[in-house]
Amino acid sequence: AQQEFMLRMWVIEQLGPDDTDPDWNPEAL
């Protein structure tokens, strides 16, 4: 869970959110 949170947050911050993919969606995170 910790590793997943860190990587997902990094992608959202650095590459931008993607509402079509739950891994890169801030609300889903």
mmCIF file of all heavy atoms, coordinates in Angstrom:
data_MODEL
# 
_entry.id   MODEL 
# 
loop_
_atom_site.group_PDB 
_atom_site.id 
_atom_site.type_symbol 
_atom_site.label_atom_id 
_atom_site.label_alt_id 
_atom_site.label_comp_id 
_atom_site.label_asym_id 
_atom_site.label_entity_id 
_atom_site.label_seq_id 
_atom_site.pdbx_PDB_ins_code 
_atom_site.Cartn_x 
_atom_site.Cartn_y 
_atom_site.Cartn_z 
_atom_site.occupancy 
_atom_site.B_iso_or_equiv 
_atom_site.pdbx_formal_charge 
_atom_site.auth_seq_id 
_atom_site.auth_comp_id 
_atom_site.auth_asym_id 
_atom_site.auth_atom_id 
_atom_site.pdbx_PDB_model_num 
ATOM 1   N N   . ALA A 1 1  ? 0.838   -1.211 0.000   1.00 0.00 ? 1  ALA A N   1 
ATOM 2   C CA  . ALA A 1 1  ? 0.000   0.000  0.000   1.00 0.00 ? 1  ALA A CA  1 
ATOM 3   C C   . ALA A 1 1  ? 0.867   1.253  0.000   1.00 0.00 ? 1  ALA A C   1 
ATOM 4   O O   . ALA A 1 1  ? 0.579   2.220  -0.725  1.00 0.00 ? 1  ALA A O   1 
ATOM 5   C CB  . ALA A 1 1  ? -0.940  -0.013 1.198   1.00 0.00 ? 1  ALA A CB  1 
ATOM 6   N N   . GLN A 1 2  ? 1.924   1.256  0.783   1.00 0.00 ? 2  GLN A N   1 
ATOM 7   C CA  . GLN A 1 2  ? 2.804   2.417  0.856   1.00 0.00 ? 2  GLN A CA  1 
ATOM 8   C C   . GLN A 1 2  ? 3.513   2.648  -0.472  1.00 0.00 ? 2  GLN A C   1 
ATOM 9   O O   . GLN A 1 2  ? 3.567   3.767  -0.981  1.00 0.00 ? 2  GLN A O   1 
ATOM 10  C CB  . GLN A 1 2  ? 3.820   2.236  1.989   1.00 0.00 ? 2  GLN A CB  1 
ATOM 11  C CG  . GLN A 1 2  ? 4.679   3.444  2.263   1.00 0.00 ? 2  GLN A CG  1 
ATOM 12  C CD  . GLN A 1 2  ? 5.991   3.452  1.490   1.00 0.00 ? 2  GLN A CD  1 
ATOM 13  O OE1 . GLN A 1 2  ? 6.467   2.433  1.016   1.00 0.00 ? 2  GLN A OE1 1 
ATOM 14  N NE2 . GLN A 1 2  ? 6.564   4.618  1.364   1.00 0.00 ? 2  GLN A NE2 1 
ATOM 15  N N   . GLN A 1 3  ? 4.061   1.594  -1.061  1.00 0.00 ? 3  GLN A N   1 
ATOM 16  C CA  . GLN A 1 3  ? 4.749   1.708  -2.347  1.00 0.00 ? 3  GLN A CA  1 
ATOM 17  C C   . GLN A 1 3  ? 3.791   2.172  -3.437  1.00 0.00 ? 3  GLN A C   1 
ATOM 18  O O   . GLN A 1 3  ? 4.132   3.017  -4.265  1.00 0.00 ? 3  GLN A O   1 
ATOM 19  C CB  . GLN A 1 3  ? 5.378   0.366  -2.747  1.00 0.00 ? 3  GLN A CB  1 
ATOM 20  C CG  . GLN A 1 3  ? 6.547   -0.035 -1.904  1.00 0.00 ? 3  GLN A CG  1 
ATOM 21  C CD  . GLN A 1 3  ? 7.736   0.877  -2.096  1.00 0.00 ? 3  GLN A CD  1 
ATOM 22  O OE1 . GLN A 1 3  ? 7.987   1.390  -3.172  1.00 0.00 ? 3  GLN A OE1 1 
ATOM 23  N NE2 . GLN A 1 3  ? 8.481   1.100  -1.033  1.00 0.00 ? 3  GLN A NE2 1 
ATOM 24  N N   . GLU A 1 4  ? 2.595   1.613  -3.422  1.00 0.00 ? 4  GLU A N   1 
ATOM 25  C CA  . GLU A 1 4  ? 1.596   1.991  -4.428  1.00 0.00 ? 4  GLU A CA  1 
ATOM 26  C C   . GLU A 1 4  ? 1.210   3.463  -4.291  1.00 0.00 ? 4  GLU A C   1 
ATOM 27  O O   . GLU A 1 4  ? 1.127   4.187  -5.285  1.00 0.00 ? 4  GLU A O   1 
ATOM 28  C CB  . GLU A 1 4  ? 0.365   1.091  -4.310  1.00 0.00 ? 4  GLU A CB  1 
ATOM 29  C CG  . GLU A 1 4  ? -0.651  1.403  -5.366  1.00 0.00 ? 4  GLU A CG  1 
ATOM 30  C CD  . GLU A 1 4  ? -1.603  0.264  -5.625  1.00 0.00 ? 4  GLU A CD  1 
ATOM 31  O OE1 . GLU A 1 4  ? -1.186  -0.893 -5.662  1.00 0.00 ? 4  GLU A OE1 1 
ATOM 32  O OE2 . GLU A 1 4  ? -2.793  0.576  -5.809  1.00 0.00 ? 4  GLU A OE2 1 
ATOM 33  N N   . PHE A 1 5  ? 0.971   3.907  -3.062  1.00 0.00 ? 5  PHE A N   1 
ATOM 34  C CA  . PHE A 1 5  ? 0.608   5.304  -2.854  1.00 0.00 ? 5  PHE A CA  1 
ATOM 35  C C   . PHE A 1 5  ? 1.697   6.233  -3.377  1.00 0.00 ? 5  PHE A C   1 
ATOM 36  O O   . PHE A 1 5  ? 1.418   7.200  -4.090  1.00 0.00 ? 5  PHE A O   1 
ATOM 37  C CB  . PHE A 1 5  ? 0.349   5.590  -1.363  1.00 0.00 ? 5  PHE A CB  1 
ATOM 38  C CG  . PHE A 1 5  ? 0.156   7.057  -1.092  1.00 0.00 ? 5  PHE A CG  1 
ATOM 39  C CD1 . PHE A 1 5  ? -1.071  7.647  -1.313  1.00 0.00 ? 5  PHE A CD1 1 
ATOM 40  C CD2 . PHE A 1 5  ? 1.221   7.848  -0.666  1.00 0.00 ? 5  PHE A CD2 1 
ATOM 41  C CE1 . PHE A 1 5  ? -1.252  9.017  -1.093  1.00 0.00 ? 5  PHE A CE1 1 
ATOM 42  C CE2 . PHE A 1 5  ? 1.046   9.206  -0.451  1.00 0.00 ? 5  PHE A CE2 1 
ATOM 43  C CZ  . PHE A 1 5  ? -0.189  9.787  -0.663  1.00 0.00 ? 5  PHE A CZ  1 
ATOM 44  N N   . MET A 1 6  ? 2.948   5.940  -3.025  1.00 0.00 ? 6  MET A N   1 
ATOM 45  C CA  . MET A 1 6  ? 4.053   6.815  -3.420  1.00 0.00 ? 6  MET A CA  1 
ATOM 46  C C   . MET A 1 6  ? 4.185   6.908  -4.942  1.00 0.00 ? 6  MET A C   1 
ATOM 47  O O   . MET A 1 6  ? 4.338   8.000  -5.488  1.00 0.00 ? 6  MET A O   1 
ATOM 48  C CB  . MET A 1 6  ? 5.367   6.317  -2.808  1.00 0.00 ? 6  MET A CB  1 
ATOM 49  C CG  . MET A 1 6  ? 5.382   6.370  -1.290  1.00 0.00 ? 6  MET A CG  1 
ATOM 50  S SD  . MET A 1 6  ? 5.212   8.035  -0.629  1.00 0.00 ? 6  MET A SD  1 
ATOM 51  C CE  . MET A 1 6  ? 6.764   8.728  -1.114  1.00 0.00 ? 6  MET A CE  1 
ATOM 52  N N   . LEU A 1 7  ? 4.109   5.773  -5.635  1.00 0.00 ? 7  LEU A N   1 
ATOM 53  C CA  . LEU A 1 7  ? 4.263   5.796  -7.089  1.00 0.00 ? 7  LEU A CA  1 
ATOM 54  C C   . LEU A 1 7  ? 3.064   6.457  -7.763  1.00 0.00 ? 7  LEU A C   1 
ATOM 55  O O   . LEU A 1 7  ? 3.232   7.288  -8.667  1.00 0.00 ? 7  LEU A O   1 
ATOM 56  C CB  . LEU A 1 7  ? 4.471   4.383  -7.641  1.00 0.00 ? 7  LEU A CB  1 
ATOM 57  C CG  . LEU A 1 7  ? 4.690   4.292  -9.149  1.00 0.00 ? 7  LEU A CG  1 
ATOM 58  C CD1 . LEU A 1 7  ? 5.857   5.156  -9.603  1.00 0.00 ? 7  LEU A CD1 1 
ATOM 59  C CD2 . LEU A 1 7  ? 4.885   2.843  -9.565  1.00 0.00 ? 7  LEU A CD2 1 
ATOM 60  N N   . ARG A 1 8  ? 1.866   6.129  -7.313  1.00 0.00 ? 8  ARG A N   1 
ATOM 61  C CA  . ARG A 1 8  ? 0.679   6.742  -7.909  1.00 0.00 ? 8  ARG A CA  1 
ATOM 62  C C   . ARG A 1 8  ? 0.678   8.253  -7.702  1.00 0.00 ? 8  ARG A C   1 
ATOM 63  O O   . ARG A 1 8  ? 0.374   9.019  -8.615  1.00 0.00 ? 8  ARG A O   1 
ATOM 64  C CB  . ARG A 1 8  ? -0.588  6.108  -7.329  1.00 0.00 ? 8  ARG A CB  1 
ATOM 65  C CG  . ARG A 1 8  ? -0.806  4.688  -7.822  1.00 0.00 ? 8  ARG A CG  1 
ATOM 66  C CD  . ARG A 1 8  ? -1.954  4.004  -7.130  1.00 0.00 ? 8  ARG A CD  1 
ATOM 67  N NE  . ARG A 1 8  ? -3.235  4.622  -7.461  1.00 0.00 ? 8  ARG A NE  1 
ATOM 68  C CZ  . ARG A 1 8  ? -4.374  4.313  -6.846  1.00 0.00 ? 8  ARG A CZ  1 
ATOM 69  N NH1 . ARG A 1 8  ? -4.397  3.410  -5.879  1.00 0.00 ? 8  ARG A NH1 1 
ATOM 70  N NH2 . ARG A 1 8  ? -5.499  4.903  -7.206  1.00 0.00 ? 8  ARG A NH2 1 
ATOM 71  N N   . MET A 1 9  ? 1.032   8.693  -6.500  1.00 0.00 ? 9  MET A N   1 
ATOM 72  C CA  . MET A 1 9  ? 1.076   10.131 -6.222  1.00 0.00 ? 9  MET A CA  1 
ATOM 73  C C   . MET A 1 9  ? 2.125   10.807 -7.092  1.00 0.00 ? 9  MET A C   1 
ATOM 74  O O   . MET A 1 9  ? 1.885   11.891 -7.636  1.00 0.00 ? 9  MET A O   1 
ATOM 75  C CB  . MET A 1 9  ? 1.384   10.340 -4.728  1.00 0.00 ? 9  MET A CB  1 
ATOM 76  C CG  . MET A 1 9  ? 1.208   11.753 -4.253  1.00 0.00 ? 9  MET A CG  1 
ATOM 77  S SD  . MET A 1 9  ? -0.523  12.218 -4.206  1.00 0.00 ? 9  MET A SD  1 
ATOM 78  C CE  . MET A 1 9  ? -0.504  13.529 -5.382  1.00 0.00 ? 9  MET A CE  1 
ATOM 79  N N   . TRP A 1 10 ? 3.276   10.175 -7.245  1.00 0.00 ? 10 TRP A N   1 
ATOM 80  C CA  . TRP A 1 10 ? 4.336   10.751 -8.071  1.00 0.00 ? 10 TRP A CA  1 
ATOM 81  C C   . TRP A 1 10 ? 3.867   10.909 -9.520  1.00 0.00 ? 10 TRP A C   1 
ATOM 82  O O   . TRP A 1 10 ? 4.064   11.964 -10.121 1.00 0.00 ? 10 TRP A O   1 
ATOM 83  C CB  . TRP A 1 10 ? 5.603   9.883  -8.012  1.00 0.00 ? 10 TRP A CB  1 
ATOM 84  C CG  . TRP A 1 10 ? 6.711   10.476 -8.801  1.00 0.00 ? 10 TRP A CG  1 
ATOM 85  C CD1 . TRP A 1 10 ? 7.636   11.382 -8.355  1.00 0.00 ? 10 TRP A CD1 1 
ATOM 86  C CD2 . TRP A 1 10 ? 6.989   10.267 -10.186 1.00 0.00 ? 10 TRP A CD2 1 
ATOM 87  N NE1 . TRP A 1 10 ? 8.470   11.732 -9.392  1.00 0.00 ? 10 TRP A NE1 1 
ATOM 88  C CE2 . TRP A 1 10 ? 8.099   11.059 -10.523 1.00 0.00 ? 10 TRP A CE2 1 
ATOM 89  C CE3 . TRP A 1 10 ? 6.406   9.476  -11.174 1.00 0.00 ? 10 TRP A CE3 1 
ATOM 90  C CZ2 . TRP A 1 10 ? 8.641   11.086 -11.799 1.00 0.00 ? 10 TRP A CZ2 1 
ATOM 91  C CZ3 . TRP A 1 10 ? 6.946   9.502  -12.459 1.00 0.00 ? 10 TRP A CZ3 1 
ATOM 92  C CH2 . TRP A 1 10 ? 8.050   10.303 -12.757 1.00 0.00 ? 10 TRP A CH2 1 
ATOM 93  N N   . VAL A 1 11 ? 3.236   9.879  -10.066 1.00 0.00 ? 11 VAL A N   1 
ATOM 94  C CA  . VAL A 1 11 ? 2.752   9.952  -11.455 1.00 0.00 ? 11 VAL A CA  1 
ATOM 95  C C   . VAL A 1 11 ? 1.726   11.069 -11.587 1.00 0.00 ? 11 VAL A C   1 
ATOM 96  O O   . VAL A 1 11 ? 1.788   11.875 -12.529 1.00 0.00 ? 11 VAL A O   1 
ATOM 97  C CB  . VAL A 1 11 ? 2.169   8.605  -11.927 1.00 0.00 ? 11 VAL A CB  1 
ATOM 98  C CG1 . VAL A 1 11 ? 1.417   8.749  -13.242 1.00 0.00 ? 11 VAL A CG1 1 
ATOM 99  C CG2 . VAL A 1 11 ? 3.284   7.566  -12.074 1.00 0.00 ? 11 VAL A CG2 1 
ATOM 100 N N   . ILE A 1 12 ? 0.796   11.155 -10.663 1.00 0.00 ? 12 ILE A N   1 
ATOM 101 C CA  . ILE A 1 12 ? -0.233  12.195 -10.723 1.00 0.00 ? 12 ILE A CA  1 
ATOM 102 C C   . ILE A 1 12 ? 0.407   13.582 -10.653 1.00 0.00 ? 12 ILE A C   1 
ATOM 103 O O   . ILE A 1 12 ? 0.044   14.481 -11.416 1.00 0.00 ? 12 ILE A O   1 
ATOM 104 C CB  . ILE A 1 12 ? -1.284  11.984 -9.611  1.00 0.00 ? 12 ILE A CB  1 
ATOM 105 C CG1 . ILE A 1 12 ? -2.121  10.726 -9.911  1.00 0.00 ? 12 ILE A CG1 1 
ATOM 106 C CG2 . ILE A 1 12 ? -2.180  13.210 -9.469  1.00 0.00 ? 12 ILE A CG2 1 
ATOM 107 C CD1 . ILE A 1 12 ? -2.958  10.244 -8.736  1.00 0.00 ? 12 ILE A CD1 1 
ATOM 108 N N   . GLU A 1 13 ? 1.363   13.760 -9.768  1.00 0.00 ? 13 GLU A N   1 
ATOM 109 C CA  . GLU A 1 13 ? 2.018   15.063 -9.623  1.00 0.00 ? 13 GLU A CA  1 
ATOM 110 C C   . GLU A 1 13 ? 2.898   15.409 -10.814 1.00 0.00 ? 13 GLU A C   1 
ATOM 111 O O   . GLU A 1 13 ? 2.892   16.544 -11.291 1.00 0.00 ? 13 GLU A O   1 
ATOM 112 C CB  . GLU A 1 13 ? 2.882   15.093 -8.357  1.00 0.00 ? 13 GLU A CB  1 
ATOM 113 C CG  . GLU A 1 13 ? 2.111   15.230 -7.089  1.00 0.00 ? 13 GLU A CG  1 
ATOM 114 C CD  . GLU A 1 13 ? 3.030   15.308 -5.877  1.00 0.00 ? 13 GLU A CD  1 
ATOM 115 O OE1 . GLU A 1 13 ? 4.208   14.878 -5.938  1.00 0.00 ? 13 GLU A OE1 1 
ATOM 116 O OE2 . GLU A 1 13 ? 2.558   15.821 -4.853  1.00 0.00 ? 13 GLU A OE2 1 
ATOM 117 N N   . GLN A 1 14 ? 3.686   14.448 -11.293 1.00 0.00 ? 14 GLN A N   1 
ATOM 118 C CA  . GLN A 1 14 ? 4.686   14.734 -12.327 1.00 0.00 ? 14 GLN A CA  1 
ATOM 119 C C   . GLN A 1 14 ? 4.149   14.638 -13.751 1.00 0.00 ? 14 GLN A C   1 
ATOM 120 O O   . GLN A 1 14 ? 4.571   15.391 -14.623 1.00 0.00 ? 14 GLN A O   1 
ATOM 121 C CB  . GLN A 1 14 ? 5.881   13.788 -12.177 1.00 0.00 ? 14 GLN A CB  1 
ATOM 122 C CG  . GLN A 1 14 ? 6.603   13.929 -10.868 1.00 0.00 ? 14 GLN A CG  1 
ATOM 123 C CD  . GLN A 1 14 ? 7.183   15.316 -10.676 1.00 0.00 ? 14 GLN A CD  1 
ATOM 124 O OE1 . GLN A 1 14 ? 7.836   15.854 -11.563 1.00 0.00 ? 14 GLN A OE1 1 
ATOM 125 N NE2 . GLN A 1 14 ? 6.942   15.908 -9.512  1.00 0.00 ? 14 GLN A NE2 1 
ATOM 126 N N   . LEU A 1 15 ? 3.249   13.690 -13.995 1.00 0.00 ? 15 LEU A N   1 
ATOM 127 C CA  . LEU A 1 15 ? 2.753   13.454 -15.354 1.00 0.00 ? 15 LEU A CA  1 
ATOM 128 C C   . LEU A 1 15 ? 1.307   13.898 -15.533 1.00 0.00 ? 15 LEU A C   1 
ATOM 129 O O   . LEU A 1 15 ? 0.794   13.883 -16.644 1.00 0.00 ? 15 LEU A O   1 
ATOM 130 C CB  . LEU A 1 15 ? 2.900   11.971 -15.714 1.00 0.00 ? 15 LEU A CB  1 
ATOM 131 C CG  . LEU A 1 15 ? 4.321   11.403 -15.597 1.00 0.00 ? 15 LEU A CG  1 
ATOM 132 C CD1 . LEU A 1 15 ? 4.325   9.918  -15.888 1.00 0.00 ? 15 LEU A CD1 1 
ATOM 133 C CD2 . LEU A 1 15 ? 5.290   12.157 -16.491 1.00 0.00 ? 15 LEU A CD2 1 
ATOM 134 N N   . GLY A 1 16 ? 0.675   14.252 -14.440 1.00 0.00 ? 16 GLY A N   1 
ATOM 135 C CA  . GLY A 1 16 ? -0.701  14.722 -14.499 1.00 0.00 ? 16 GLY A CA  1 
ATOM 136 C C   . GLY A 1 16 ? -1.697  13.614 -14.233 1.00 0.00 ? 16 GLY A C   1 
ATOM 137 O O   . GLY A 1 16 ? -1.426  12.441 -14.465 1.00 0.00 ? 16 GLY A O   1 
ATOM 138 N N   . PRO A 1 17 ? -2.866  13.986 -13.711 1.00 0.00 ? 17 PRO A N   1 
ATOM 139 C CA  . PRO A 1 17 ? -3.910  12.996 -13.448 1.00 0.00 ? 17 PRO A CA  1 
ATOM 140 C C   . PRO A 1 17 ? -4.519  12.490 -14.752 1.00 0.00 ? 17 PRO A C   1 
ATOM 141 O O   . PRO A 1 17 ? -4.382  13.101 -15.809 1.00 0.00 ? 17 PRO A O   1 
ATOM 142 C CB  . PRO A 1 17 ? -4.943  13.777 -12.630 1.00 0.00 ? 17 PRO A CB  1 
ATOM 143 C CG  . PRO A 1 17 ? -4.727  15.202 -13.003 1.00 0.00 ? 17 PRO A CG  1 
ATOM 144 C CD  . PRO A 1 17 ? -3.275  15.340 -13.345 1.00 0.00 ? 17 PRO A CD  1 
ATOM 145 N N   . ASP A 1 18 ? -5.187  11.363 -14.653 1.00 0.00 ? 18 ASP A N   1 
ATOM 146 C CA  . ASP A 1 18 ? -5.895  10.776 -15.788 1.00 0.00 ? 18 ASP A CA  1 
ATOM 147 C C   . ASP A 1 18 ? -7.191  10.188 -15.239 1.00 0.00 ? 18 ASP A C   1 
ATOM 148 O O   . ASP A 1 18 ? -7.179  9.151  -14.584 1.00 0.00 ? 18 ASP A O   1 
ATOM 149 C CB  . ASP A 1 18 ? -5.042  9.691  -16.449 1.00 0.00 ? 18 ASP A CB  1 
ATOM 150 C CG  . ASP A 1 18 ? -5.713  9.032  -17.633 1.00 0.00 ? 18 ASP A CG  1 
ATOM 151 O OD1 . ASP A 1 18 ? -6.913  9.292  -17.891 1.00 0.00 ? 18 ASP A OD1 1 
ATOM 152 O OD2 . ASP A 1 18 ? -5.048  8.235  -18.312 1.00 0.00 ? 18 ASP A OD2 1 
ATOM 153 N N   . ASP A 1 19 ? -8.282  10.874 -15.492 1.00 0.00 ? 19 ASP A N   1 
ATOM 154 C CA  . ASP A 1 19 ? -9.573  10.438 -14.951 1.00 0.00 ? 19 ASP A CA  1 
ATOM 155 C C   . ASP A 1 19 ? -10.082 9.149  -15.585 1.00 0.00 ? 19 ASP A C   1 
ATOM 156 O O   . ASP A 1 19 ? -11.033 8.555  -15.084 1.00 0.00 ? 19 ASP A O   1 
ATOM 157 C CB  . ASP A 1 19 ? -10.613 11.548 -15.116 1.00 0.00 ? 19 ASP A CB  1 
ATOM 158 C CG  . ASP A 1 19 ? -10.293 12.753 -14.251 1.00 0.00 ? 19 ASP A CG  1 
ATOM 159 O OD1 . ASP A 1 19 ? -9.563  12.600 -13.249 1.00 0.00 ? 19 ASP A OD1 1 
ATOM 160 O OD2 . ASP A 1 19 ? -10.763 13.858 -14.573 1.00 0.00 ? 19 ASP A OD2 1 
ATOM 161 N N   . THR A 1 20 ? -9.453  8.696  -16.669 1.00 0.00 ? 20 THR A N   1 
ATOM 162 C CA  . THR A 1 20 ? -9.884  7.451  -17.319 1.00 0.00 ? 20 THR A CA  1 
ATOM 163 C C   . THR A 1 20 ? -9.168  6.233  -16.759 1.00 0.00 ? 20 THR A C   1 
ATOM 164 O O   . THR A 1 20 ? -9.533  5.107  -17.070 1.00 0.00 ? 20 THR A O   1 
ATOM 165 C CB  . THR A 1 20 ? -9.647  7.509  -18.842 1.00 0.00 ? 20 THR A CB  1 
ATOM 166 O OG1 . THR A 1 20 ? -8.239  7.575  -19.099 1.00 0.00 ? 20 THR A OG1 1 
ATOM 167 C CG2 . THR A 1 20 ? -10.360 8.700  -19.459 1.00 0.00 ? 20 THR A CG2 1 
ATOM 168 N N   . ASP A 1 21 ? -8.159  6.435  -15.929 1.00 0.00 ? 21 ASP A N   1 
ATOM 169 C CA  . ASP A 1 21 ? -7.402  5.322  -15.342 1.00 0.00 ? 21 ASP A CA  1 
ATOM 170 C C   . ASP A 1 21 ? -7.391  5.496  -13.833 1.00 0.00 ? 21 ASP A C   1 
ATOM 171 O O   . ASP A 1 21 ? -6.812  6.457  -13.317 1.00 0.00 ? 21 ASP A O   1 
ATOM 172 C CB  . ASP A 1 21 ? -5.973  5.324  -15.889 1.00 0.00 ? 21 ASP A CB  1 
ATOM 173 C CG  . ASP A 1 21 ? -5.171  4.117  -15.440 1.00 0.00 ? 21 ASP A CG  1 
ATOM 174 O OD1 . ASP A 1 21 ? -5.418  3.583  -14.334 1.00 0.00 ? 21 ASP A OD1 1 
ATOM 175 O OD2 . ASP A 1 21 ? -4.271  3.706  -16.199 1.00 0.00 ? 21 ASP A OD2 1 
ATOM 176 N N   . PRO A 1 22 ? -7.991  4.571  -13.098 1.00 0.00 ? 22 PRO A N   1 
ATOM 177 C CA  . PRO A 1 22 ? -8.076  4.736  -11.646 1.00 0.00 ? 22 PRO A CA  1 
ATOM 178 C C   . PRO A 1 22 ? -6.717  4.816  -10.950 1.00 0.00 ? 22 PRO A C   1 
ATOM 179 O O   . PRO A 1 22 ? -6.611  5.414  -9.889  1.00 0.00 ? 22 PRO A O   1 
ATOM 180 C CB  . PRO A 1 22 ? -8.871  3.517  -11.172 1.00 0.00 ? 22 PRO A CB  1 
ATOM 181 C CG  . PRO A 1 22 ? -8.973  2.602  -12.326 1.00 0.00 ? 22 PRO A CG  1 
ATOM 182 C CD  . PRO A 1 22 ? -8.661  3.359  -13.565 1.00 0.00 ? 22 PRO A CD  1 
ATOM 183 N N   . ASP A 1 23 ? -5.677  4.245  -11.543 1.00 0.00 ? 23 ASP A N   1 
ATOM 184 C CA  . ASP A 1 23 ? -4.357  4.335  -10.914 1.00 0.00 ? 23 ASP A CA  1 
ATOM 185 C C   . ASP A 1 23 ? -3.824  5.760  -10.913 1.00 0.00 ? 23 ASP A C   1 
ATOM 186 O O   . ASP A 1 23 ? -3.030  6.119  -10.056 1.00 0.00 ? 23 ASP A O   1 
ATOM 187 C CB  . ASP A 1 23 ? -3.350  3.420  -11.613 1.00 0.00 ? 23 ASP A CB  1 
ATOM 188 C CG  . ASP A 1 23 ? -3.569  1.957  -11.263 1.00 0.00 ? 23 ASP A CG  1 
ATOM 189 O OD1 . ASP A 1 23 ? -4.080  1.667  -10.161 1.00 0.00 ? 23 ASP A OD1 1 
ATOM 190 O OD2 . ASP A 1 23 ? -3.215  1.100  -12.092 1.00 0.00 ? 23 ASP A OD2 1 
ATOM 191 N N   . TRP A 1 24 ? -4.264  6.561  -11.871 1.00 0.00 ? 24 TRP A N   1 
ATOM 192 C CA  . TRP A 1 24 ? -3.756  7.935  -11.986 1.00 0.00 ? 24 TRP A CA  1 
ATOM 193 C C   . TRP A 1 24 ? -4.847  8.973  -11.699 1.00 0.00 ? 24 TRP A C   1 
ATOM 194 O O   . TRP A 1 24 ? -4.699  10.132 -12.041 1.00 0.00 ? 24 TRP A O   1 
ATOM 195 C CB  . TRP A 1 24 ? -3.158  8.177  -13.375 1.00 0.00 ? 24 TRP A CB  1 
ATOM 196 C CG  . TRP A 1 24 ? -2.314  7.050  -13.894 1.00 0.00 ? 24 TRP A CG  1 
ATOM 197 C CD1 . TRP A 1 24 ? -2.362  6.541  -15.159 1.00 0.00 ? 24 TRP A CD1 1 
ATOM 198 C CD2 . TRP A 1 24 ? -1.303  6.300  -13.215 1.00 0.00 ? 24 TRP A CD2 1 
ATOM 199 N NE1 . TRP A 1 24 ? -1.449  5.518  -15.292 1.00 0.00 ? 24 TRP A NE1 1 
ATOM 200 C CE2 . TRP A 1 24 ? -0.780  5.345  -14.111 1.00 0.00 ? 24 TRP A CE2 1 
ATOM 201 C CE3 . TRP A 1 24 ? -0.788  6.326  -11.920 1.00 0.00 ? 24 TRP A CE3 1 
ATOM 202 C CZ2 . TRP A 1 24 ? 0.217   4.444  -13.774 1.00 0.00 ? 24 TRP A CZ2 1 
ATOM 203 C CZ3 . TRP A 1 24 ? 0.209   5.412  -11.572 1.00 0.00 ? 24 TRP A CZ3 1 
ATOM 204 C CH2 . TRP A 1 24 ? 0.700   4.499  -12.489 1.00 0.00 ? 24 TRP A CH2 1 
ATOM 205 N N   . ASN A 1 25 ? -5.892  8.550  -11.056 1.00 0.00 ? 25 ASN A N   1 
ATOM 206 C CA  . ASN A 1 25 ? -7.005  9.429  -10.704 1.00 0.00 ? 25 ASN A CA  1 
ATOM 207 C C   . ASN A 1 25 ? -6.873  9.820  -9.226  1.00 0.00 ? 25 ASN A C   1 
ATOM 208 O O   . ASN A 1 25 ? -6.887  8.946  -8.353  1.00 0.00 ? 25 ASN A O   1 
ATOM 209 C CB  . ASN A 1 25 ? -8.326  8.698  -10.954 1.00 0.00 ? 25 ASN A CB  1 
ATOM 210 C CG  . ASN A 1 25 ? -9.521  9.533  -10.606 1.00 0.00 ? 25 ASN A CG  1 
ATOM 211 O OD1 . ASN A 1 25 ? -9.698  9.910  -9.457  1.00 0.00 ? 25 ASN A OD1 1 
ATOM 212 N ND2 . ASN A 1 25 ? -10.354 9.808  -11.586 1.00 0.00 ? 25 ASN A ND2 1 
ATOM 213 N N   . PRO A 1 26 ? -6.743  11.110 -8.913  1.00 0.00 ? 26 PRO A N   1 
ATOM 214 C CA  . PRO A 1 26 ? -6.556  11.532 -7.518  1.00 0.00 ? 26 PRO A CA  1 
ATOM 215 C C   . PRO A 1 26 ? -7.680  11.086 -6.585  1.00 0.00 ? 26 PRO A C   1 
ATOM 216 O O   . PRO A 1 26 ? -7.419  10.703 -5.443  1.00 0.00 ? 26 PRO A O   1 
ATOM 217 C CB  . PRO A 1 26 ? -6.482  13.055 -7.602  1.00 0.00 ? 26 PRO A CB  1 
ATOM 218 C CG  . PRO A 1 26 ? -6.127  13.363 -9.005  1.00 0.00 ? 26 PRO A CG  1 
ATOM 219 C CD  . PRO A 1 26 ? -6.687  12.250 -9.842  1.00 0.00 ? 26 PRO A CD  1 
ATOM 220 N N   . GLU A 1 27 ? -8.920  11.141 -7.058  1.00 0.00 ? 27 GLU A N   1 
ATOM 221 C CA  . GLU A 1 27 ? -10.032 10.722 -6.207  1.00 0.00 ? 27 GLU A CA  1 
ATOM 222 C C   . GLU A 1 27 ? -9.966  9.230  -5.904  1.00 0.00 ? 27 GLU A C   1 
ATOM 223 O O   . GLU A 1 27 ? -10.200 8.803  -4.769  1.00 0.00 ? 27 GLU A O   1 
ATOM 224 C CB  . GLU A 1 27 ? -11.380 11.075 -6.853  1.00 0.00 ? 27 GLU A CB  1 
ATOM 225 C CG  . GLU A 1 27 ? -11.672 12.566 -6.873  1.00 0.00 ? 27 GLU A CG  1 
ATOM 226 C CD  . GLU A 1 27 ? -10.955 13.320 -7.998  1.00 0.00 ? 27 GLU A CD  1 
ATOM 227 O OE1 . GLU A 1 27 ? -10.514 12.696 -8.996  1.00 0.00 ? 27 GLU A OE1 1 
ATOM 228 O OE2 . GLU A 1 27 ? -10.817 14.550 -7.870  1.00 0.00 ? 27 GLU A OE2 1 
ATOM 229 N N   . ALA A 1 28 ? -9.622  8.428  -6.904  1.00 0.00 ? 28 ALA A N   1 
ATOM 230 C CA  . ALA A 1 28 ? -9.487  6.985  -6.692  1.00 0.00 ? 28 ALA A CA  1 
ATOM 231 C C   . ALA A 1 28 ? -8.333  6.697  -5.731  1.00 0.00 ? 28 ALA A C   1 
ATOM 232 O O   . ALA A 1 28 ? -8.432  5.818  -4.865  1.00 0.00 ? 28 ALA A O   1 
ATOM 233 C CB  . ALA A 1 28 ? -9.278  6.265  -8.021  1.00 0.00 ? 28 ALA A CB  1 
ATOM 234 N N   . LEU A 1 29 ? -7.245  7.453  -5.856  1.00 0.00 ? 29 LEU A N   1 
ATOM 235 C CA  . LEU A 1 29 ? -6.115  7.285  -4.938  1.00 0.00 ? 29 LEU A CA  1 
ATOM 236 C C   . LEU A 1 29 ? -6.538  7.601  -3.509  1.00 0.00 ? 29 LEU A C   1 
ATOM 237 O O   . LEU A 1 29 ? -6.183  6.878  -2.577  1.00 0.00 ? 29 LEU A O   1 
ATOM 238 C CB  . LEU A 1 29 ? -4.939  8.165  -5.362  1.00 0.00 ? 29 LEU A CB  1 
ATOM 239 C CG  . LEU A 1 29 ? -3.719  8.139  -4.449  1.00 0.00 ? 29 LEU A CG  1 
ATOM 240 C CD1 . LEU A 1 29 ? -3.163  6.730  -4.296  1.00 0.00 ? 29 LEU A CD1 1 
ATOM 241 C CD2 . LEU A 1 29 ? -2.653  9.085  -4.971  1.00 0.00 ? 29 LEU A CD2 1 
# 
